[in-house]
Amino acid sequence: MSGNEDLVKLYSGRILALAADIPHAERLAEPQVTSKKRSPLCGSTVTVDLVLENGRIKDFGQDVKACALGQASAAILGQQAIGRTREEIERARDQLKAMLKSEGPIPDAPFEGYEVLLPARDYKNRHASILLALEATLAAFDEACASV
């Protein structure tokens, strides 16, 4: 397969559709906590705002400046973030990382939508951008816990 065919396969219609319609793609007016993460390799950034209640995400906002793969990942997270605990987000991040880096299975429900990113396994330079929204969300949880 040529390089161009590989890129066509990587940037599937599903990935582009997710990237074009990111849920919760606005910053919160009054976040309890905010975290910004940047991928040094590609320069992608994700800023996540959270409001937590009883250890769960009550409100979620994100500002995503990333490639289509990072945007698609943020869209999948945005679809599922409300009501999730830190442990659920961490498990999704760990499972996604294993899927990308060591041919692990797709993440468990409700994060099985990350299956769309299976073709990105071969593009190690994109992995950090794909993980960025989850990393920013975990950092926000950690900051909220540290300030309590």
N, C-alpha and C. Protein backbone atom coordinates (compact mmCIF):
# COMPACT_ATOMS: atom_id res chain seq x y z
N MET A 1 0.86 -1.18 0.00
CA MET A 1 0.00 0.00 0.00
C MET A 1 0.89 1.23 0.00
N SER A 2 0.57 2.19 -0.82
CA SER A 2 1.37 3.42 -0.88
C SER A 2 1.10 4.29 0.34
N GLY A 3 1.97 5.27 0.55
CA GLY A 3 1.79 6.19 1.66
C GLY A 3 0.46 6.93 1.60
N ASN A 4 0.06 7.35 0.42
CA ASN A 4 -1.22 8.05 0.27
C ASN A 4 -2.39 7.14 0.61
N GLU A 5 -2.34 5.88 0.19
CA GLU A 5 -3.41 4.94 0.52
C GLU A 5 -3.47 4.69 2.02
N ASP A 6 -2.29 4.63 2.67
CA ASP A 6 -2.26 4.47 4.12
C ASP A 6 -2.96 5.63 4.81
N LEU A 7 -2.71 6.85 4.35
CA LEU A 7 -3.34 8.03 4.96
C LEU A 7 -4.83 8.05 4.73
N VAL A 8 -5.27 7.62 3.56
CA VAL A 8 -6.71 7.54 3.29
C VAL A 8 -7.36 6.56 4.25
N LYS A 9 -6.70 5.43 4.48
CA LYS A 9 -7.21 4.42 5.41
C LYS A 9 -7.25 5.00 6.83
N LEU A 10 -6.18 5.71 7.20
CA LEU A 10 -6.09 6.26 8.55
C LEU A 10 -7.18 7.31 8.80
N TYR A 11 -7.35 8.22 7.86
CA TYR A 11 -8.34 9.29 8.02
C TYR A 11 -9.66 8.89 7.39
N SER A 12 -10.27 7.88 7.97
CA SER A 12 -11.53 7.35 7.46
C SER A 12 -12.65 8.38 7.62
N GLY A 13 -13.73 8.12 6.94
CA GLY A 13 -14.91 8.97 7.06
C GLY A 13 -15.41 9.07 8.49
N ARG A 14 -15.35 7.96 9.23
CA ARG A 14 -15.81 7.97 10.62
C ARG A 14 -14.94 8.88 11.48
N ILE A 15 -13.63 8.83 11.27
CA ILE A 15 -12.73 9.68 12.04
C ILE A 15 -12.99 11.14 11.71
N LEU A 16 -13.13 11.44 10.44
CA LEU A 16 -13.37 12.84 10.03
C LEU A 16 -14.72 13.33 10.54
N ALA A 17 -15.72 12.47 10.57
CA ALA A 17 -17.04 12.86 11.09
C ALA A 17 -16.96 13.16 12.59
N LEU A 18 -16.24 12.32 13.33
CA LEU A 18 -16.06 12.57 14.76
C LEU A 18 -15.33 13.90 14.99
N ALA A 19 -14.27 14.11 14.21
CA ALA A 19 -13.46 15.33 14.36
C ALA A 19 -14.28 16.59 14.07
N ALA A 20 -15.26 16.46 13.21
CA ALA A 20 -16.07 17.62 12.83
C ALA A 20 -17.20 17.91 13.82
N ASP A 21 -17.45 17.01 14.76
CA ASP A 21 -18.59 17.16 15.67
C ASP A 21 -18.20 16.73 17.08
N ILE A 22 -17.35 17.51 17.72
CA ILE A 22 -16.85 17.19 19.06
C ILE A 22 -17.87 17.65 20.11
N PRO A 23 -18.41 16.71 20.90
CA PRO A 23 -19.33 17.10 21.98
C PRO A 23 -18.61 17.90 23.07
N HIS A 24 -19.32 18.81 23.67
CA HIS A 24 -18.79 19.64 24.77
C HIS A 24 -17.55 20.40 24.34
N ALA A 25 -17.57 20.93 23.14
CA ALA A 25 -16.39 21.61 22.57
C ALA A 25 -16.35 23.08 22.93
N GLU A 26 -16.84 23.41 24.11
CA GLU A 26 -16.75 24.78 24.60
C GLU A 26 -16.21 24.73 26.01
N ARG A 27 -15.47 25.76 26.37
CA ARG A 27 -14.99 25.89 27.74
C ARG A 27 -16.19 26.18 28.65
N LEU A 28 -16.12 25.73 29.88
CA LEU A 28 -17.18 26.00 30.85
C LEU A 28 -17.04 27.41 31.38
N ALA A 29 -18.16 28.05 31.63
CA ALA A 29 -18.15 29.42 32.16
C ALA A 29 -17.58 29.45 33.58
N GLU A 30 -17.90 28.43 34.39
CA GLU A 30 -17.43 28.40 35.77
C GLU A 30 -16.93 27.00 36.12
N PRO A 31 -15.76 26.63 35.59
CA PRO A 31 -15.23 25.29 35.90
C PRO A 31 -14.74 25.22 37.34
N GLN A 32 -14.86 24.06 37.91
CA GLN A 32 -14.28 23.80 39.23
C GLN A 32 -12.76 23.65 39.09
N VAL A 33 -12.35 23.05 37.96
CA VAL A 33 -10.94 22.80 37.71
C VAL A 33 -10.69 22.77 36.20
N THR A 34 -9.48 23.20 35.81
CA THR A 34 -9.08 23.24 34.41
C THR A 34 -7.70 22.63 34.27
N SER A 35 -7.50 21.89 33.20
CA SER A 35 -6.18 21.34 32.91
C SER A 35 -5.92 21.47 31.41
N LYS A 36 -4.69 21.86 31.08
CA LYS A 36 -4.29 21.97 29.68
C LYS A 36 -3.10 21.04 29.45
N LYS A 37 -3.19 20.21 28.44
CA LYS A 37 -2.11 19.30 28.08
C LYS A 37 -1.69 19.57 26.65
N ARG A 38 -0.38 19.43 26.42
CA ARG A 38 0.19 19.68 25.09
C ARG A 38 1.07 18.50 24.72
N SER A 39 0.98 18.09 23.48
CA SER A 39 1.87 17.05 22.96
C SER A 39 3.10 17.74 22.38
N PRO A 40 4.27 17.51 22.97
CA PRO A 40 5.47 18.19 22.45
C PRO A 40 5.84 17.75 21.04
N LEU A 41 5.46 16.54 20.67
CA LEU A 41 5.83 16.02 19.36
C LEU A 41 5.13 16.75 18.22
N CYS A 42 3.82 16.98 18.38
CA CYS A 42 3.07 17.58 17.28
C CYS A 42 2.50 18.96 17.60
N GLY A 43 2.54 19.37 18.87
CA GLY A 43 2.01 20.67 19.25
C GLY A 43 0.53 20.70 19.54
N SER A 44 -0.15 19.56 19.44
CA SER A 44 -1.58 19.51 19.76
C SER A 44 -1.79 19.91 21.22
N THR A 45 -2.91 20.61 21.49
CA THR A 45 -3.27 20.96 22.85
C THR A 45 -4.74 20.65 23.10
N VAL A 46 -5.02 20.27 24.32
CA VAL A 46 -6.39 20.07 24.78
C VAL A 46 -6.51 20.70 26.15
N THR A 47 -7.51 21.56 26.31
CA THR A 47 -7.83 22.15 27.59
C THR A 47 -9.17 21.57 28.03
N VAL A 48 -9.21 21.05 29.25
CA VAL A 48 -10.41 20.42 29.78
C VAL A 48 -10.86 21.17 31.02
N ASP A 49 -12.14 21.49 31.08
CA ASP A 49 -12.78 22.08 32.24
C ASP A 49 -13.72 21.04 32.84
N LEU A 50 -13.69 20.91 34.17
CA LEU A 50 -14.57 19.96 34.85
C LEU A 50 -15.32 20.63 35.99
N VAL A 51 -16.51 20.14 36.21
CA VAL A 51 -17.24 20.33 37.46
C VAL A 51 -17.51 18.92 37.95
N LEU A 52 -17.07 18.63 39.18
CA LEU A 52 -17.23 17.30 39.76
C LEU A 52 -18.27 17.32 40.86
N GLU A 53 -18.95 16.20 41.00
CA GLU A 53 -19.91 16.03 42.09
C GLU A 53 -19.87 14.58 42.53
N ASN A 54 -19.58 14.36 43.78
CA ASN A 54 -19.49 13.02 44.33
C ASN A 54 -18.51 12.14 43.54
N GLY A 55 -17.39 12.72 43.12
CA GLY A 55 -16.37 11.96 42.43
C GLY A 55 -16.66 11.66 40.97
N ARG A 56 -17.70 12.26 40.44
CA ARG A 56 -18.08 12.03 39.03
C ARG A 56 -18.11 13.36 38.28
N ILE A 57 -17.92 13.27 36.98
CA ILE A 57 -17.97 14.47 36.14
C ILE A 57 -19.43 14.90 36.01
N LYS A 58 -19.72 16.08 36.53
CA LYS A 58 -21.07 16.64 36.43
C LYS A 58 -21.19 17.50 35.17
N ASP A 59 -20.12 18.26 34.87
CA ASP A 59 -20.11 19.10 33.67
C ASP A 59 -18.72 19.04 33.08
N PHE A 60 -18.65 19.10 31.76
CA PHE A 60 -17.41 18.86 31.02
C PHE A 60 -17.35 19.81 29.84
N GLY A 61 -16.22 20.44 29.67
CA GLY A 61 -15.99 21.28 28.50
C GLY A 61 -14.57 21.06 28.01
N GLN A 62 -14.37 21.21 26.71
CA GLN A 62 -13.02 21.01 26.18
C GLN A 62 -12.77 21.93 25.00
N ASP A 63 -11.53 22.37 24.92
CA ASP A 63 -11.06 23.15 23.78
C ASP A 63 -9.95 22.32 23.15
N VAL A 64 -10.17 21.87 21.92
CA VAL A 64 -9.27 20.91 21.28
C VAL A 64 -8.61 21.56 20.07
N LYS A 65 -7.30 21.61 20.12
CA LYS A 65 -6.49 22.10 18.99
C LYS A 65 -5.56 20.95 18.63
N ALA A 66 -6.02 20.06 17.78
CA ALA A 66 -5.28 18.84 17.49
C ALA A 66 -5.58 18.38 16.07
N CYS A 67 -4.81 17.40 15.63
CA CYS A 67 -5.06 16.77 14.33
C CYS A 67 -6.41 16.05 14.37
N ALA A 68 -6.85 15.57 13.23
CA ALA A 68 -8.14 14.89 13.15
C ALA A 68 -8.21 13.69 14.09
N LEU A 69 -7.10 13.00 14.30
CA LEU A 69 -7.10 11.84 15.20
C LEU A 69 -7.29 12.28 16.65
N GLY A 70 -6.62 13.35 17.05
CA GLY A 70 -6.80 13.89 18.39
C GLY A 70 -8.21 14.43 18.59
N GLN A 71 -8.75 15.05 17.55
CA GLN A 71 -10.12 15.56 17.62
C GLN A 71 -11.12 14.42 17.73
N ALA A 72 -10.90 13.35 16.96
CA ALA A 72 -11.80 12.19 17.01
C ALA A 72 -11.77 11.57 18.41
N SER A 73 -10.58 11.46 18.99
CA SER A 73 -10.46 10.92 20.33
C SER A 73 -11.20 11.80 21.34
N ALA A 74 -11.04 13.11 21.22
CA ALA A 74 -11.75 14.04 22.11
C ALA A 74 -13.26 13.93 21.93
N ALA A 75 -13.70 13.68 20.72
CA ALA A 75 -15.14 13.51 20.46
C ALA A 75 -15.68 12.27 21.16
N ILE A 76 -14.93 11.18 21.09
CA ILE A 76 -15.35 9.95 21.75
C ILE A 76 -15.41 10.16 23.26
N LEU A 77 -14.40 10.81 23.82
CA LEU A 77 -14.43 11.13 25.24
C LEU A 77 -15.62 12.03 25.56
N GLY A 78 -15.83 13.07 24.76
CA GLY A 78 -16.92 14.00 25.00
C GLY A 78 -18.29 13.33 25.00
N GLN A 79 -18.44 12.29 24.20
CA GLN A 79 -19.72 11.56 24.16
C GLN A 79 -19.99 10.81 25.46
N GLN A 80 -18.93 10.47 26.20
CA GLN A 80 -19.08 9.59 27.35
C GLN A 80 -18.66 10.20 28.69
N ALA A 81 -18.13 11.41 28.71
CA ALA A 81 -17.49 11.96 29.91
C ALA A 81 -18.45 12.20 31.07
N ILE A 82 -19.62 12.74 30.80
CA ILE A 82 -20.54 13.09 31.89
C ILE A 82 -20.90 11.83 32.69
N GLY A 83 -20.75 11.95 34.00
CA GLY A 83 -21.10 10.85 34.90
C GLY A 83 -19.96 9.89 35.19
N ARG A 84 -18.82 10.06 34.55
CA ARG A 84 -17.69 9.14 34.73
C ARG A 84 -16.83 9.53 35.94
N THR A 85 -16.23 8.51 36.53
CA THR A 85 -15.30 8.70 37.63
C THR A 85 -13.87 8.78 37.09
N ARG A 86 -12.95 9.18 37.96
CA ARG A 86 -11.54 9.21 37.56
C ARG A 86 -11.09 7.80 37.16
N GLU A 87 -11.50 6.80 37.92
CA GLU A 87 -11.10 5.43 37.64
C GLU A 87 -11.57 4.98 36.25
N GLU A 88 -12.77 5.37 35.86
CA GLU A 88 -13.27 5.01 34.53
C GLU A 88 -12.47 5.69 33.42
N ILE A 89 -12.12 6.96 33.64
CA ILE A 89 -11.32 7.69 32.64
C ILE A 89 -9.92 7.08 32.57
N GLU A 90 -9.35 6.75 33.71
CA GLU A 90 -8.01 6.15 33.73
C GLU A 90 -8.02 4.79 33.02
N ARG A 91 -9.03 3.99 33.27
CA ARG A 91 -9.13 2.68 32.61
C ARG A 91 -9.24 2.86 31.10
N ALA A 92 -10.05 3.81 30.66
CA ALA A 92 -10.19 4.07 29.22
C ALA A 92 -8.85 4.49 28.63
N ARG A 93 -8.12 5.38 29.32
CA ARG A 93 -6.82 5.83 28.85
C ARG A 93 -5.84 4.66 28.75
N ASP A 94 -5.79 3.85 29.81
CA ASP A 94 -4.86 2.72 29.83
C ASP A 94 -5.20 1.70 28.75
N GLN A 95 -6.48 1.43 28.56
CA GLN A 95 -6.89 0.48 27.53
C GLN A 95 -6.63 1.02 26.13
N LEU A 96 -6.86 2.32 25.93
CA LEU A 96 -6.59 2.93 24.62
C LEU A 96 -5.09 2.88 24.34
N LYS A 97 -4.28 3.20 25.35
CA LYS A 97 -2.83 3.15 25.17
C LYS A 97 -2.38 1.73 24.81
N ALA A 98 -2.93 0.73 25.49
CA ALA A 98 -2.58 -0.66 25.19
C ALA A 98 -3.04 -1.06 23.78
N MET A 99 -4.21 -0.58 23.38
CA MET A 99 -4.71 -0.86 22.03
C MET A 99 -3.76 -0.30 20.99
N LEU A 100 -3.28 0.91 21.22
CA LEU A 100 -2.41 1.57 20.25
C LEU A 100 -0.99 1.02 20.25
N LYS A 101 -0.44 0.81 21.44
CA LYS A 101 0.99 0.53 21.56
C LYS A 101 1.34 -0.95 21.62
N SER A 102 0.43 -1.78 22.11
CA SER A 102 0.77 -3.20 22.27
C SER A 102 -0.31 -4.13 21.75
N GLU A 103 -1.07 -3.66 20.78
CA GLU A 103 -2.11 -4.45 20.11
C GLU A 103 -3.12 -5.05 21.07
N GLY A 104 -3.41 -4.30 22.14
CA GLY A 104 -4.43 -4.73 23.07
C GLY A 104 -5.82 -4.60 22.46
N PRO A 105 -6.82 -5.12 23.15
CA PRO A 105 -8.19 -5.01 22.65
C PRO A 105 -8.71 -3.57 22.72
N ILE A 106 -9.82 -3.33 22.06
CA ILE A 106 -10.44 -2.01 22.15
C ILE A 106 -10.91 -1.77 23.59
N PRO A 107 -10.98 -0.52 24.02
CA PRO A 107 -11.43 -0.24 25.39
C PRO A 107 -12.84 -0.77 25.66
N ASP A 108 -13.07 -1.06 26.93
CA ASP A 108 -14.37 -1.54 27.37
C ASP A 108 -15.43 -0.46 27.21
N ALA A 109 -16.70 -0.90 27.17
CA ALA A 109 -17.84 0.02 27.16
C ALA A 109 -17.75 0.90 28.40
N PRO A 110 -18.09 2.12 28.29
CA PRO A 110 -18.74 2.82 27.18
C PRO A 110 -17.74 3.46 26.20
N PHE A 111 -16.47 3.07 26.28
CA PHE A 111 -15.45 3.70 25.45
C PHE A 111 -15.04 2.85 24.24
N GLU A 112 -15.90 1.93 23.85
CA GLU A 112 -15.60 1.06 22.71
C GLU A 112 -15.54 1.83 21.39
N GLY A 113 -16.01 3.06 21.38
CA GLY A 113 -15.93 3.89 20.17
C GLY A 113 -14.50 4.17 19.74
N TYR A 114 -13.54 3.98 20.64
CA TYR A 114 -12.13 4.17 20.28
C TYR A 114 -11.66 3.15 19.25
N GLU A 115 -12.47 2.16 18.98
CA GLU A 115 -12.16 1.16 17.96
C GLU A 115 -11.88 1.82 16.62
N VAL A 116 -12.50 2.96 16.35
CA VAL A 116 -12.30 3.67 15.09
C VAL A 116 -10.83 4.08 14.91
N LEU A 117 -10.08 4.14 15.99
CA LEU A 117 -8.69 4.57 15.93
C LEU A 117 -7.70 3.41 15.80
N LEU A 118 -8.19 2.20 15.61
CA LEU A 118 -7.31 1.05 15.40
C LEU A 118 -6.28 1.27 14.30
N PRO A 119 -6.64 1.88 13.16
CA PRO A 119 -5.63 2.08 12.11
C PRO A 119 -4.46 2.97 12.54
N ALA A 120 -4.61 3.71 13.63
CA ALA A 120 -3.54 4.60 14.10
C ALA A 120 -2.43 3.85 14.82
N ARG A 121 -2.61 2.56 15.06
CA ARG A 121 -1.56 1.78 15.73
C ARG A 121 -0.20 1.95 15.05
N ASP A 122 -0.22 1.97 13.75
CA ASP A 122 1.03 2.04 12.98
C ASP A 122 1.62 3.43 12.92
N TYR A 123 0.96 4.41 13.49
CA TYR A 123 1.42 5.81 13.43
C TYR A 123 1.77 6.28 14.84
N LYS A 124 2.88 5.79 15.35
CA LYS A 124 3.29 6.07 16.73
C LYS A 124 3.40 7.57 17.02
N ASN A 125 3.74 8.35 16.00
CA ASN A 125 3.84 9.80 16.19
C ASN A 125 2.49 10.45 16.44
N ARG A 126 1.39 9.75 16.26
CA ARG A 126 0.05 10.28 16.51
C ARG A 126 -0.52 9.85 17.87
N HIS A 127 0.11 8.89 18.53
CA HIS A 127 -0.45 8.34 19.76
C HIS A 127 -0.62 9.39 20.85
N ALA A 128 0.35 10.27 21.02
CA ALA A 128 0.25 11.29 22.07
C ALA A 128 -0.96 12.19 21.85
N SER A 129 -1.21 12.58 20.61
CA SER A 129 -2.36 13.43 20.31
C SER A 129 -3.67 12.69 20.60
N ILE A 130 -3.70 11.41 20.29
CA ILE A 130 -4.90 10.60 20.52
C ILE A 130 -5.20 10.49 22.01
N LEU A 131 -4.17 10.41 22.84
CA LEU A 131 -4.34 10.24 24.28
C LEU A 131 -4.55 11.55 25.03
N LEU A 132 -4.36 12.67 24.35
CA LEU A 132 -4.31 13.98 25.00
C LEU A 132 -5.58 14.35 25.78
N ALA A 133 -6.75 14.15 25.23
CA ALA A 133 -7.99 14.53 25.92
C ALA A 133 -8.17 13.73 27.20
N LEU A 134 -7.85 12.45 27.15
CA LEU A 134 -7.94 11.62 28.35
C LEU A 134 -6.91 12.05 29.38
N GLU A 135 -5.70 12.36 28.93
CA GLU A 135 -4.65 12.82 29.84
C GLU A 135 -5.04 14.14 30.51
N ALA A 136 -5.59 15.06 29.76
CA ALA A 136 -6.02 16.34 30.32
C ALA A 136 -7.14 16.16 31.33
N THR A 137 -8.05 15.24 31.06
CA THR A 137 -9.15 14.97 31.98
C THR A 137 -8.63 14.38 33.28
N LEU A 138 -7.69 13.45 33.17
CA LEU A 138 -7.09 12.87 34.39
C LEU A 138 -6.34 13.92 35.19
N ALA A 139 -5.62 14.79 34.51
CA ALA A 139 -4.89 15.85 35.21
C ALA A 139 -5.86 16.79 35.92
N ALA A 140 -7.00 17.07 35.31
CA ALA A 140 -8.00 17.92 35.96
C ALA A 140 -8.56 17.23 37.21
N PHE A 141 -8.86 15.94 37.10
CA PHE A 141 -9.30 15.20 38.28
C PHE A 141 -8.26 15.29 39.39
N ASP A 142 -6.99 15.08 39.04
CA ASP A 142 -5.92 15.11 40.03
C ASP A 142 -5.79 16.48 40.69
N GLU A 143 -5.93 17.53 39.89
CA GLU A 143 -5.86 18.87 40.44
C GLU A 143 -7.02 19.13 41.40
N ALA A 144 -8.20 18.64 41.04
CA ALA A 144 -9.37 18.82 41.91
C ALA A 144 -9.16 18.09 43.24
N CYS A 145 -8.59 16.90 43.17
CA CYS A 145 -8.35 16.12 44.40
C CYS A 145 -7.27 16.76 45.25
N ALA A 146 -6.27 17.37 44.62
CA ALA A 146 -5.18 18.01 45.35
C ALA A 146 -5.64 19.26 46.07
N SER A 147 -6.67 19.90 45.56
CA SER A 147 -7.14 21.16 46.16
C SER A 147 -8.19 20.93 47.23
N VAL A 148 -8.52 19.70 47.50
CA VAL A 148 -9.54 19.40 48.52
C VAL A 148 -8.91 19.29 49.88
